[in-house]
Protein backbone atom coordinates (compact mmCIF):
# COMPACT_ATOMS: atom_id res chain seq x y z
CA MET A 1 -40.45 -41.96 -33.24
CA PRO A 2 -36.38 -42.54 -33.17
CA ARG A 3 -34.95 -43.04 -29.50
CA ASN A 4 -33.10 -40.64 -27.04
CA PHE A 5 -35.76 -37.69 -29.24
CA ARG A 6 -38.79 -36.45 -28.12
CA ARG A 7 -41.25 -34.97 -29.94
CA PHE A 8 -42.55 -31.22 -29.86
CA ILE A 9 -45.11 -29.08 -31.29
CA VAL A 10 -45.16 -25.41 -32.21
CA SER A 11 -47.62 -22.98 -32.62
CA VAL A 12 -47.21 -20.28 -34.37
CA HIS A 13 -49.84 -17.27 -35.02
CA ILE A 14 -49.64 -15.57 -38.64
CA PRO A 15 -51.31 -11.81 -37.79
CA GLU A 16 -54.71 -11.91 -39.96
CA GLY A 17 -54.26 -15.34 -41.26
CA PRO A 18 -54.13 -18.75 -39.78
CA THR A 19 -52.71 -20.51 -37.27
CA VAL A 20 -49.84 -22.68 -37.68
CA ILE A 21 -49.14 -25.70 -35.77
CA SER A 22 -46.01 -28.05 -36.71
CA TRP A 23 -43.88 -30.36 -34.74
CA GLY A 24 -40.74 -31.39 -34.92
CA LEU A 25 -37.93 -33.93 -32.77
CA ILE A 26 -34.88 -32.66 -30.43
CA PRO A 27 -32.64 -34.88 -28.65
CA GLU A 28 -32.72 -35.41 -25.18
CA TRP A 29 -29.15 -34.45 -24.34
CA TYR A 30 -30.07 -30.89 -25.56
CA GLU A 31 -33.48 -30.86 -23.13
CA VAL A 32 -31.10 -31.82 -20.70
CA ARG A 33 -28.21 -29.46 -21.31
CA VAL A 34 -31.30 -26.76 -21.09
CA ARG A 35 -32.66 -27.69 -17.82
CA ASN A 36 -29.39 -27.87 -16.13
CA LYS A 37 -28.16 -24.44 -17.78
CA ARG A 38 -31.52 -22.71 -16.32
CA LYS A 39 -31.12 -24.63 -12.92
CA LEU A 40 -27.34 -23.36 -12.49
CA LYS A 41 -28.67 -19.85 -13.02
CA VAL A 42 -31.46 -20.26 -10.33
CA LEU A 43 -28.46 -21.89 -8.14
CA ALA A 44 -26.05 -18.38 -9.17
CA ARG A 45 -28.52 -16.41 -8.09
CA ASP A 46 -28.86 -18.33 -4.40
CA MET A 47 -25.54 -18.03 -4.13
CA ALA A 48 -26.04 -14.24 -5.06
CA ASN A 49 -28.41 -13.68 -2.52
CA SER A 50 -27.36 -16.00 0.31
CA GLU A 51 -27.56 -14.51 3.86
CA ASN A 52 -24.66 -16.60 5.46
CA TYR A 53 -21.99 -19.14 4.20
CA ALA A 54 -23.78 -22.56 4.65
CA ASP A 55 -26.71 -21.30 2.90
CA TRP A 56 -24.00 -20.23 0.12
CA LEU A 57 -21.75 -23.59 0.48
CA GLY A 58 -25.38 -25.81 -0.06
CA ALA A 59 -26.23 -23.89 -3.30
CA ALA A 60 -22.49 -24.38 -4.31
CA ARG A 61 -22.31 -28.11 -3.71
CA ASP A 62 -25.46 -28.14 -5.95
CA HIS A 63 -23.77 -26.01 -8.53
CA ASP A 64 -20.89 -28.73 -8.49
CA ASP A 65 -23.04 -31.48 -9.11
CA LEU A 66 -24.57 -30.29 -12.19
CA THR A 67 -21.31 -29.29 -13.73
CA GLY A 68 -19.33 -32.11 -13.01
CA MET A 69 -16.90 -31.03 -10.49
CA THR A 70 -18.09 -33.31 -7.27
CA ASP A 71 -16.69 -35.96 -9.75
CA TRP A 72 -13.65 -34.11 -10.43
CA ARG A 73 -13.01 -33.90 -6.59
CA HIS A 74 -12.89 -37.43 -6.00
CA ILE A 75 -10.66 -38.41 -9.30
CA GLU A 76 -7.30 -38.36 -8.14
CA HIS A 77 -5.21 -38.37 -11.80
CA THR A 78 -4.61 -35.10 -13.03
CA ASP A 79 -1.91 -32.99 -14.18
CA LEU A 80 -2.53 -30.49 -11.59
CA TYR A 81 -0.18 -31.61 -8.69
CA ASP A 82 1.67 -34.75 -8.11
CA TYR A 83 -1.10 -37.16 -7.00
CA ALA A 84 1.13 -40.30 -6.66
CA GLN A 85 3.34 -38.52 -4.00
CA ILE A 86 0.43 -36.90 -1.82
CA ARG A 87 -1.11 -41.04 -2.47
CA LEU A 88 1.55 -42.69 -1.04
CA ARG A 89 2.64 -40.27 1.71
CA LEU A 90 -1.07 -40.43 2.92
CA ASP A 91 -0.89 -44.08 3.05
CA ARG A 92 2.01 -44.19 4.70
CA LEU A 93 0.88 -41.49 7.45
CA ARG A 94 -2.53 -44.01 7.72
CA ASN A 95 -0.26 -47.18 8.26
CA LEU A 96 1.88 -45.80 10.76
CA ARG A 97 -1.04 -44.12 12.90
CA ALA A 98 -2.87 -47.58 12.70
CA ARG A 99 -0.12 -49.41 13.99
CA SER A 100 0.97 -46.77 16.76
CA ASP A 101 4.37 -46.71 15.19
CA HIS A 102 4.68 -43.09 16.80
CA GLN A 103 8.53 -42.80 16.46
CA GLY A 104 7.86 -43.43 12.63
CA LEU A 105 4.99 -41.16 12.33
CA LEU A 106 7.06 -38.63 14.34
CA TYR A 107 9.70 -39.13 11.46
CA ALA A 108 7.49 -39.26 8.62
CA LEU A 109 6.30 -35.82 9.39
CA ASN A 110 9.74 -34.64 9.79
CA GLU A 111 10.37 -35.31 6.20
CA GLY A 112 7.67 -33.33 4.51
CA ILE A 113 5.59 -31.13 6.44
CA HIS A 114 5.34 -28.23 3.87
CA GLY A 115 2.73 -25.86 2.89
CA ASN A 116 2.83 -27.01 -1.18
CA MET A 117 3.90 -30.94 -0.88
CA GLY A 118 3.70 -32.17 -4.40
CA GLY A 119 2.03 -28.81 -5.71
CA MET A 120 -1.26 -29.12 -3.51
CA GLY A 121 -0.95 -25.60 -2.52
CA LYS A 122 -1.61 -23.97 -6.44
CA GLY A 123 -4.21 -21.70 -6.72
CA VAL A 124 -5.97 -23.64 -9.68
CA LEU A 125 -7.10 -26.19 -7.87
CA TYR A 126 -9.11 -24.34 -5.79
CA ARG A 127 -10.90 -22.43 -8.21
CA MET A 128 -12.08 -25.40 -10.34
CA ALA A 129 -14.87 -26.37 -7.68
CA LYS A 130 -16.63 -24.07 -5.80
CA ALA A 131 -16.90 -26.11 -2.76
CA GLY A 132 -13.31 -27.45 -2.38
CA THR A 133 -10.29 -29.05 -3.99
CA LYS A 134 -9.18 -32.87 -4.87
CA ARG A 135 -10.71 -34.93 -2.47
CA LEU A 136 -7.28 -36.32 -1.90
CA ILE A 137 -5.67 -32.88 -1.05
CA GLU A 138 -8.10 -32.71 1.56
CA ASP A 139 -7.76 -35.97 3.02
CA TYR A 140 -4.17 -35.72 3.46
CA ILE A 141 -4.09 -32.40 5.22
CA ASP A 142 -6.90 -34.05 7.64
CA GLU A 143 -4.20 -36.68 8.30
CA ILE A 144 -1.09 -34.77 8.83
CA ASP A 145 -3.95 -32.50 11.39
CA ALA A 146 -4.50 -35.63 13.13
CA SER A 147 -0.97 -37.26 13.72
CA LEU A 148 0.02 -33.88 15.02
CA LYS A 149 -3.01 -33.52 17.42
CA LEU A 150 -2.04 -37.51 18.29
CA LEU A 151 1.71 -36.56 18.96
CA ALA A 152 1.02 -33.01 21.07
CA GLU A 153 -1.26 -35.07 23.53
CA LEU A 154 0.91 -38.33 23.56
CA ASP A 155 2.31 -39.14 26.83
CA ASP A 156 6.14 -38.11 27.95
CA GLY A 157 7.19 -42.05 28.61
CA ILE A 158 6.21 -42.37 24.92
CA ILE A 159 7.89 -39.61 23.16
CA PRO A 160 9.98 -37.49 25.74
CA ALA A 161 8.36 -33.84 25.81
CA GLN A 162 11.99 -32.28 24.59
CA GLN A 163 11.63 -34.33 21.64
CA LYS A 164 8.35 -33.19 20.97
CA MET A 165 8.41 -29.60 21.52
CA ASP A 166 11.70 -29.53 19.21
CA PHE A 167 9.82 -31.05 16.66
CA PHE A 168 6.66 -28.59 17.13
CA TYR A 169 9.05 -25.31 17.12
CA ARG A 170 10.57 -26.55 13.77
CA ALA A 171 7.44 -27.50 12.07
CA ASN A 172 5.79 -24.11 12.70
CA ILE A 173 9.23 -22.70 11.22
CA CYS A 174 9.11 -25.02 8.18
CA PHE A 175 5.39 -24.59 7.40
CA GLY A 176 5.15 -20.86 7.96
CA ARG A 177 2.02 -18.45 8.56
CA SER A 178 -0.37 -16.91 6.96
CA ALA A 179 -1.28 -13.45 7.24
CA LEU A 180 -4.32 -11.15 6.14
CA MET A 181 -3.67 -7.79 4.17
CA LEU A 182 -6.24 -5.52 3.77
CA SER A 183 -5.46 -2.62 1.12
CA GLY A 184 -6.93 0.67 0.91
CA GLY A 185 -9.70 1.86 -1.05
CA GLY A 186 -11.60 5.09 0.74
CA VAL A 187 -15.20 3.88 1.80
CA LEU A 188 -14.53 0.87 0.09
CA GLY A 189 -12.73 -0.54 2.94
CA PHE A 190 -15.97 -1.09 4.54
CA LEU A 191 -15.61 -4.07 2.16
CA HIS A 192 -12.98 -5.30 4.38
CA LEU A 193 -15.56 -5.61 7.76
CA GLY A 194 -17.32 -8.57 5.27
CA VAL A 195 -14.23 -10.15 4.48
CA VAL A 196 -13.07 -10.07 8.11
CA ASN A 197 -16.93 -10.48 9.18
CA VAL A 198 -17.16 -14.40 7.41
CA LEU A 199 -12.97 -15.49 8.74
CA LEU A 200 -14.40 -14.84 12.40
CA GLU A 201 -17.18 -16.58 12.10
CA GLN A 202 -15.39 -19.73 10.47
CA GLY A 203 -12.55 -19.41 12.97
CA LEU A 204 -10.05 -18.52 9.85
CA LEU A 205 -8.90 -14.88 10.63
CA PRO A 206 -4.97 -14.76 11.05
CA ARG A 207 -3.20 -13.65 14.03
CA VAL A 208 -1.06 -11.67 11.63
CA ILE A 209 -2.94 -8.70 10.03
CA SER A 210 -1.74 -5.97 8.23
CA GLY A 211 -3.45 -2.69 6.84
CA SER A 212 -3.16 0.74 4.89
CA SER A 213 -5.29 3.78 4.54
CA ALA A 214 -8.73 2.57 5.11
CA GLY A 215 -7.82 -1.14 5.64
CA ALA A 216 -5.88 0.54 8.38
CA LEU A 217 -8.93 1.48 10.23
CA VAL A 218 -9.99 -1.72 10.35
CA ALA A 219 -6.52 -3.35 11.31
CA GLY A 220 -6.96 -1.10 14.14
CA VAL A 221 -10.23 -2.24 15.04
CA LEU A 222 -8.91 -6.02 15.10
CA ALA A 223 -5.89 -4.83 16.78
CA CYS A 224 -7.80 -3.36 20.04
CA HIS A 225 -11.08 -5.56 20.69
CA THR A 226 -11.20 -9.27 20.85
CA ASP A 227 -13.52 -11.61 18.87
CA ASP A 228 -16.46 -11.15 20.80
CA GLU A 229 -16.37 -7.10 20.75
CA VAL A 230 -15.96 -7.50 16.86
CA ALA A 231 -18.24 -10.17 16.31
CA ASP A 232 -20.68 -7.98 14.97
CA LEU A 233 -18.61 -6.19 12.67
CA GLU A 234 -21.78 -4.57 10.47
CA GLU A 235 -23.15 -2.37 13.26
CA LEU A 236 -19.31 -1.02 13.55
CA ALA A 237 -19.60 0.06 10.18
CA ILE A 238 -23.03 1.99 10.70
CA LEU A 239 -21.30 4.44 13.28
CA GLN A 240 -19.95 5.90 10.59
CA ASN A 241 -21.89 9.13 10.24
CA GLY A 242 -24.09 8.06 7.03
CA ALA A 243 -26.72 10.70 7.82
CA LYS A 244 -24.86 13.61 6.60
CA GLU A 245 -25.73 15.13 3.26
CA ASP A 246 -24.01 14.38 0.34
CA THR A 247 -22.84 17.66 -1.59
CA GLY A 248 -23.46 16.22 -5.02
CA PHE A 249 -21.44 15.09 -7.88
CA LEU A 250 -21.12 18.78 -9.57
CA ARG A 251 -20.32 20.27 -6.24
CA LYS A 252 -17.40 17.98 -5.57
CA LEU A 253 -16.25 18.05 -8.81
CA LEU A 254 -16.28 21.68 -8.92
CA THR A 255 -14.58 22.52 -5.40
CA GLY A 256 -12.35 19.44 -5.27
CA GLY A 257 -13.43 19.32 -1.31
CA PRO A 258 -13.82 15.62 0.36
CA SER A 259 -17.38 15.53 1.88
CA ILE A 260 -15.34 13.59 4.59
CA SER A 261 -13.76 16.06 6.48
CA LEU A 262 -10.40 15.75 9.03
CA ASP A 263 -12.84 16.32 12.11
CA ASP A 264 -15.02 13.34 10.67
CA LEU A 265 -12.29 11.12 9.93
CA GLU A 266 -10.69 12.08 13.76
CA GLN A 267 -14.35 11.31 15.21
CA LEU A 268 -14.63 7.86 13.65
CA VAL A 269 -11.09 6.90 14.63
CA GLU A 270 -11.62 7.76 18.69
CA ARG A 271 -14.97 5.94 18.36
CA LEU A 272 -13.71 2.68 17.00
CA ILE A 273 -10.38 2.77 18.56
CA PRO A 274 -9.55 3.30 22.31
CA ASN A 275 -6.01 5.41 23.25
CA SER A 276 -4.46 2.47 23.23
CA THR A 277 -0.67 1.55 22.24
CA PHE A 278 0.47 -0.88 19.93
CA GLU A 279 1.93 -3.05 23.19
CA GLU A 280 -1.24 -2.83 25.13
CA ALA A 281 -2.99 -3.70 22.26
CA TYR A 282 -1.30 -7.31 21.26
CA ALA A 283 -1.26 -7.82 25.27
CA LYS A 284 -5.09 -7.90 25.28
CA THR A 285 -5.64 -9.58 21.67
CA GLY A 286 -2.85 -11.69 20.88
CA ARG A 287 -3.08 -10.47 17.46
CA GLN A 288 0.00 -8.98 15.70
CA VAL A 289 -1.12 -6.20 13.71
CA SER A 290 0.84 -3.91 11.73
CA ILE A 291 -0.26 -0.82 9.82
CA THR A 292 1.80 1.30 6.94
CA ILE A 293 2.65 4.47 6.80
CA ALA A 294 4.48 6.53 4.10
CA PRO A 295 7.15 9.71 4.45
CA ALA A 296 5.70 12.70 3.58
CA GLU A 297 9.18 14.03 2.49
CA PRO A 298 11.84 12.55 0.11
CA HIS A 299 14.45 10.40 0.91
CA GLN A 300 12.45 8.45 3.15
CA ARG A 301 11.09 4.96 2.93
CA SER A 302 7.75 3.80 4.12
CA ARG A 303 7.51 2.11 8.01
CA LEU A 304 5.53 -0.54 9.22
CA LEU A 305 4.13 0.35 12.39
CA ASN A 306 3.40 -2.79 15.22
CA ALA A 307 4.14 -3.79 18.43
CA VAL A 308 7.65 -5.16 17.30
CA THR A 309 9.34 -1.86 15.35
CA SER A 310 7.26 0.70 17.41
CA PRO A 311 5.65 -0.92 20.34
CA ASN A 312 4.75 2.78 22.05
CA VAL A 313 2.93 4.48 19.48
CA TYR A 314 -0.66 4.83 19.85
CA ILE A 315 -2.46 3.05 17.00
CA ARG A 316 -4.76 5.78 16.64
CA SER A 317 -1.92 7.89 15.05
CA ALA A 318 -0.90 5.41 13.33
CA VAL A 319 -4.59 5.09 11.65
CA MET A 320 -5.03 8.32 11.01
CA ALA A 321 -1.57 8.80 9.59
CA SER A 322 -2.20 5.59 7.41
CA CYS A 323 -5.72 7.29 6.21
CA ALA A 324 -3.85 10.83 5.19
CA VAL A 325 -4.45 10.77 1.42
CA PRO A 326 -2.13 13.33 -0.21
CA GLY A 327 -4.14 16.37 -1.27
CA VAL A 328 -7.01 15.76 0.62
CA PHE A 329 -6.20 15.01 4.42
CA PRO A 330 -2.29 16.80 5.95
CA ALA A 331 0.24 14.91 6.88
CA VAL A 332 0.30 13.40 10.35
CA MET A 333 2.69 13.28 13.10
CA LEU A 334 2.87 10.20 15.19
CA MET A 335 2.36 10.22 19.02
CA ALA A 336 3.81 7.71 21.18
CA ARG A 337 3.73 7.01 24.93
CA ASN A 338 6.97 7.75 27.15
CA VAL A 339 8.44 6.50 29.90
CA HIS A 340 5.76 8.68 32.33
CA GLY A 341 2.86 7.24 30.66
CA GLU A 342 1.94 10.40 28.97
CA PRO A 343 2.02 11.19 25.14
CA GLN A 344 4.87 13.00 23.04
CA PRO A 345 5.78 13.25 19.48
CA TYR A 346 7.13 10.41 17.96
CA LEU A 347 10.14 11.47 15.42
CA PRO A 348 9.01 14.84 15.89
CA GLY A 349 10.74 15.96 12.64
CA ARG A 350 9.02 13.88 10.48
CA ARG A 351 5.07 13.45 9.09
CA TRP A 352 3.66 10.69 7.68
CA ILE A 353 0.65 10.26 4.62
CA ASP A 354 -1.46 7.32 3.06
CA GLY A 355 0.33 3.99 3.45
CA SER A 356 -0.92 2.63 0.17
CA VAL A 357 1.34 5.07 -1.60
CA ALA A 358 4.29 3.14 -1.12
CA ASP A 359 3.32 0.01 0.78
CA ASP A 360 0.07 -1.20 0.26
CA LEU A 361 0.23 -5.02 0.84
CA PRO A 362 3.87 -5.00 2.92
CA ALA A 363 4.26 -8.97 2.29
CA LYS A 364 8.01 -8.96 2.07
CA ARG A 365 8.34 -7.15 6.05
CA LEU A 366 5.53 -9.33 7.39
CA SER A 367 7.38 -12.59 6.50
CA ARG A 368 10.72 -11.02 7.72
CA LEU A 369 9.19 -9.58 10.85
CA PHE A 370 6.61 -12.55 11.87
CA GLY A 371 7.73 -15.42 9.65
CA THR A 372 4.66 -15.44 7.20
CA ASN A 373 5.16 -17.19 3.66
CA HIS A 374 1.51 -17.43 2.87
CA HIS A 375 -0.95 -14.40 2.34
CA ILE A 376 -4.33 -13.49 2.08
CA VAL A 377 -5.07 -9.96 0.11
CA SER A 378 -8.39 -8.31 0.35
CA MET A 379 -8.01 -6.12 -2.33
CA VAL A 380 -10.36 -3.16 -2.61
CA ASN A 381 -7.99 -0.24 -3.93
CA PRO A 382 -9.71 0.87 -7.35
CA ILE A 383 -5.94 2.06 -8.37
CA ALA A 384 -4.89 -1.41 -8.35
CA THR A 385 -8.10 -3.48 -9.38
CA ALA A 386 -7.50 -1.27 -12.51
CA PHE A 387 -4.60 -3.07 -13.28
CA ILE A 388 -5.27 -6.57 -12.25
CA SER A 389 -8.04 -8.90 -12.67
CA LYS A 390 -8.52 -12.37 -11.32
CA ASP A 391 -6.27 -15.23 -12.30
CA GLU A 392 -8.85 -17.45 -13.61
CA ASP A 393 -10.20 -14.62 -15.81
CA ARG A 394 -6.95 -14.34 -17.62
CA GLY A 395 -4.82 -16.73 -19.90
CA GLY A 396 -1.16 -16.88 -20.18
CA LEU A 397 -0.84 -14.45 -23.19
CA SER A 398 -2.83 -12.01 -21.50
CA LYS A 399 -0.84 -12.33 -18.12
CA ALA A 400 2.34 -11.87 -20.29
CA ALA A 401 1.16 -8.60 -21.98
CA GLY A 402 -0.08 -7.24 -18.93
CA ALA A 403 3.43 -7.67 -17.19
CA LEU A 404 5.06 -6.24 -20.73
CA GLY A 405 2.87 -3.20 -20.39
CA VAL A 406 3.43 -2.74 -16.72
CA GLY A 407 7.14 -3.46 -16.73
CA VAL A 408 7.27 -0.43 -19.67
CA GLY A 409 5.34 2.06 -17.43
CA ARG A 410 7.82 1.66 -15.00
CA GLU A 411 10.74 1.99 -17.24
CA PHE A 412 9.16 5.54 -18.56
CA LEU A 413 8.39 6.77 -15.03
CA ASN A 414 12.21 5.74 -14.34
CA PHE A 415 13.19 8.38 -17.19
CA TYR A 416 11.21 10.98 -16.04
CA ARG A 417 11.63 10.85 -12.67
CA GLY A 418 15.07 10.80 -12.82
CA LEU A 419 14.77 14.16 -15.17
CA ALA A 420 12.49 15.76 -12.82
CA GLN A 421 14.89 15.09 -9.71
CA LYS A 422 17.64 16.61 -12.14
CA ARG A 423 15.57 19.82 -11.88
CA GLY A 424 13.84 19.24 -8.33
CA ASP A 425 14.40 22.79 -7.32
CA LYS A 426 12.43 23.84 -10.39
CA TRP A 427 9.69 21.36 -10.13
CA PRO A 428 9.04 19.88 -6.79
CA ARG A 429 5.36 19.17 -7.47
CA PHE A 430 6.01 17.61 -10.43
CA ASN A 431 8.91 15.62 -9.23
CA MET A 432 6.69 14.55 -6.03
CA MET A 433 3.98 13.51 -8.64
CA LEU A 434 6.50 11.33 -10.51
CA HIS A 435 7.64 9.75 -7.16
CA GLY A 436 4.23 8.51 -6.24
CA LEU A 437 2.88 6.85 -9.42
CA HIS A 438 6.28 5.16 -9.47
CA ALA A 439 5.73 4.11 -6.06
CA LEU A 440 1.94 3.12 -6.73
CA MET A 441 3.11 0.80 -10.36
CA ASP A 442 5.98 -0.48 -8.55
CA GLN A 443 4.03 -2.48 -5.70
CA GLU A 444 2.52 -6.11 -5.82
CA TYR A 445 -1.01 -5.89 -5.57
CA THR A 446 -1.53 -9.95 -5.35
CA GLY A 447 -1.04 -12.53 -2.78
CA ASP A 448 -1.70 -16.41 -2.68
CA ILE A 449 -4.96 -15.83 -2.17
CA ASN A 450 -6.93 -13.03 -3.41
CA ILE A 451 -10.42 -11.51 -2.37
CA MET A 452 -11.25 -8.96 -4.98
CA PRO A 453 -15.33 -7.58 -4.34
CA SER A 454 -16.93 -6.97 -7.82
CA PHE A 455 -18.49 -4.03 -5.96
CA ARG A 456 -17.58 -0.31 -7.66
CA LEU A 457 -18.94 3.09 -7.06
CA ALA A 458 -20.32 4.50 -10.41
CA ASN A 459 -19.15 8.18 -9.07
CA PRO A 460 -15.25 8.11 -8.07
CA LEU A 461 -15.67 11.07 -6.12
CA ARG A 462 -17.57 9.01 -3.48
CA LEU A 463 -14.53 7.54 -2.33
CA LEU A 464 -14.24 10.09 0.06
CA SER A 465 -17.60 10.82 1.05
CA HIS A 466 -20.24 10.12 3.79
CA LEU A 467 -22.32 6.53 3.10
CA ASN A 468 -25.98 6.30 4.44
CA GLU A 469 -26.74 2.87 6.12
CA GLU A 470 -28.10 1.01 3.60
CA GLU A 471 -25.29 1.25 1.50
CA LEU A 472 -22.72 0.77 4.20
CA ILE A 473 -24.65 -2.69 4.72
CA ARG A 474 -24.36 -3.50 1.07
CA LEU A 475 -20.68 -2.99 1.29
CA THR A 476 -20.43 -5.32 4.15
CA HIS A 477 -22.77 -8.04 2.01
CA HIS A 478 -20.77 -7.63 -0.92
CA GLY A 479 -17.20 -8.26 0.72
CA ALA A 480 -18.79 -11.19 2.77
CA HIS A 481 -20.07 -12.92 -0.23
CA ALA A 482 -16.40 -12.44 -1.83
CA CYS A 483 -15.32 -14.17 0.84
CA TYR A 484 -17.56 -17.03 0.62
CA GLU A 485 -15.66 -18.22 -2.80
CA LYS A 486 -12.15 -18.35 -0.93
CA VAL A 487 -13.32 -19.88 2.41
CA GLU A 488 -12.47 -23.48 1.71
CA ALA A 489 -9.28 -22.32 0.09
CA ILE A 490 -8.55 -20.86 3.19
CA ARG A 491 -9.53 -23.48 5.60
CA ARG A 492 -7.11 -25.81 3.55
CA CYS A 493 -4.72 -23.85 3.25
CA THR A 494 -4.11 -22.50 6.76
CA GLN A 495 -5.46 -25.63 8.50
CA ILE A 496 -1.93 -27.10 9.27
CA SER A 497 -0.36 -23.90 10.64
CA ARG A 498 -3.33 -23.21 12.80
CA THR A 499 -3.13 -26.51 14.29
CA LEU A 500 0.64 -26.33 14.90
CA GLU A 501 0.24 -22.65 16.53
CA ASP A 502 -2.98 -24.21 19.11
CA ILE A 503 -0.32 -26.98 19.77
CA LEU A 504 2.81 -24.68 20.82
CA TYR A 505 0.09 -22.30 22.62
CA ARG A 506 -1.23 -24.93 24.63
CA TYR A 507 2.81 -25.94 25.24
CA GLU A 508 3.39 -22.62 26.60
CA TYR A 509 0.42 -21.37 28.43
CA GLY A 510 -2.08 -24.64 28.29
CA ASP A 511 -2.58 -28.02 29.19
CA LEU A 512 0.32 -29.69 27.77
CA ARG A 513 2.38 -27.06 29.25
CA PRO A 514 5.63 -29.48 30.21
CA ASP A 515 7.96 -28.89 33.50
CA PRO A 516 10.18 -25.94 32.91
CA ALA A 517 12.84 -27.73 34.87
CA ALA A 518 12.69 -30.98 33.06
CA VAL A 519 13.30 -29.52 29.31
CA ARG A 520 14.58 -26.34 27.97
CA LYS A 521 13.32 -23.96 25.15
CA PRO A 522 14.19 -25.52 21.78
CA ARG A 523 16.53 -23.46 19.78
CA SER A 524 14.16 -23.60 16.91
CA SER A 525 11.88 -21.32 18.81
CA ARG A 526 13.98 -18.16 18.29
CA ARG A 527 14.21 -16.49 15.19
CA ARG A 528 17.95 -15.58 15.22
CA PRO A 529 20.09 -18.86 14.09
CA ALA A 530 21.53 -20.83 17.16
CA PRO A 531 25.13 -20.10 17.83
CA THR A 532 27.67 -22.57 16.93
CA LEU A 533 29.74 -24.56 19.49
CA ALA A 534 32.90 -22.26 18.32
CA GLN A 535 30.91 -19.23 19.31
CA ARG A 536 29.72 -20.41 22.28
CA GLU A 537 33.17 -20.67 23.48
CA ARG A 538 34.25 -17.78 22.64
CA LEU A 539 31.37 -15.69 24.04
CA SER A 540 31.45 -17.59 27.31
CA GLY A 541 33.65 -20.59 27.79
CA ARG A 542 37.19 -18.65 27.70
CA SER A 543 39.14 -19.21 30.50
CA ASP A 544 41.50 -16.61 32.03
CA SER A 545 44.85 -18.36 29.77
CA THR A 546 43.27 -18.08 26.52
CA ARG A 547 41.86 -14.17 26.74
CA VAL A 548 44.15 -12.12 24.68
CA PRO A 549 45.65 -9.23 27.21
CA MET A 550 44.65 -5.62 26.09
CA LYS A 551 47.12 -3.51 24.45
CA PRO A 552 48.45 -0.85 26.99
CA ARG A 553 48.22 2.68 25.53
CA SER A 554 51.18 4.33 23.60
CA GLY A 555 52.89 6.66 25.81
CA ARG A 556 52.17 5.69 29.56
CA ALA A 557 54.14 5.07 31.69
CA GLY A 558 55.15 1.35 32.61
CA SER A 559 53.64 0.43 29.11
CA GLY A 560 56.94 -1.31 28.09
CA LYS A 561 57.01 0.31 25.05
CA SER A 562 57.60 3.67 23.63
CA ALA A 563 54.91 6.17 21.95
CA GLU A 564 57.23 5.52 18.69
CA ALA A 565 57.55 1.67 19.01
CA SER A 566 53.65 1.63 19.53
CA LYS A 567 53.67 3.86 16.32
CA VAL A 568 55.43 1.43 14.34
CA ALA A 569 53.68 -1.64 15.65
CA GLN A 570 50.16 -0.08 14.69
CA LYS A 571 51.12 1.06 11.08
CA PRO A 572 50.06 -1.19 8.48
CA VAL A 573 52.02 -3.00 6.29
CA ARG A 574 51.68 -2.26 2.50
CA LYS A 575 52.10 -5.58 0.18
CA ALA A 576 54.57 -4.85 -2.72
CA VAL A 577 52.44 -5.30 -6.06
CA ARG A 578 54.17 -5.79 -9.31
CA VAL A 579 52.60 -4.05 -12.47
CA THR A 580 53.25 -5.90 -15.64
CA HIS A 581 52.10 -4.91 -18.66
């Protein structure tokens, strides 16, 4: 028998005839390929049925071993990122730390503490293997993490406390922060619970969180409860009245009425969210939670409610406004706490509706308010998922065609919206509908890391229906499994920012807090740019001799000038302009 071949025997039974037995040869590589294919199917099933992230990660590592991705992780050479630059900087940092050259280490970190150094933040690098990315990238991030912790805990006699504080505040602004954005999606919003539960277990939940519509409900829970209070989010999900009878597909189709009423929504919000303002919630949890709301009236802009923009607004009213689906629930007037501690209307002349209509993922506003530059998106909005897909499933031509289609659709909507605005008095409902469609299509529904559960409802009308306990648990499990695939990417992409935040917290409130009399708060800790020397002299360093005297008012006795002279002095002088042809 030839080498690398194995004999196989096939037995064929012919009806009403003899059994034919034949034999042949198959290559060993083909047999190995078939066997590995079967193992990959088993591992894929194990990952899909895993009860926790540890089980999923074990099956994912075995999957990478069979597919060759484990070897790919250890190979530095690739065109996907600048491996030579990363290797050079890694060796330099290791050498400085081994020689205890702390000043040189501080200088080297000042050179390039960026999230996308050498292209190491590309999403494709975290989609190749299931259990991680290139080992070179992971080693580089670990080395920066260790170097930052070393410098933070150094004695002030080696590096002065003021110099360390200046560096860490500056590095925190330079590297940026991560934010978690929770989209709308009706009852599919309970998929967010599985995502948040996994991030809490892994210690990866960002402090900056936003939510709209159904995502606002989850964001409101996170705003008002500590990690210990929301450790088991599945039980919070089951608190929904899932025992109510479903009205049935035909009845809902004919009546158009949702099975979740306004009273049901109010009871759910009251059960999950205490009667706290954004300022009180931030003081309790330290989470910078924002909720998006959209205006019910035309000529208004959407708003982002949080402890910075609206500290006295009740979170309950913000969540109710963000969940007010147009045509299903009435528009909501916000409530706030006044100076006497009593509730009162907030902007009483305005009403607000579903936040996902105008700004489902407020990435730009979060960046402006909290300095975020890395956004993790949990997308369950059925309207958005119908137009977008996972990046790994799309080629360059497909992405270009999708972008072209969206652009053409926006232009058509702009044309018809302009026509409707000219006849706004005659077509008010049509005008409002076009405005809403344009707002939905004009949004960006993706971020740097996108968690998109594959769960879909067979009946779209059940987006606003009561779900039983089994369905709620299934939703949370689908959300958790969708997050499992992104955990390692989130861990590596946020590791440095989490370390910097922890160090700054220790400097401000913890064991690394210096003597306030010995240091000053760094200028880089403020979001506003520091004033220049000339500005400081104009603001506070003026002497009486350099101050400009006030001009006396015209016509006043003792002014030294007549009223006519004052008018002449104040009259602007027009420049002569010569027109040439």
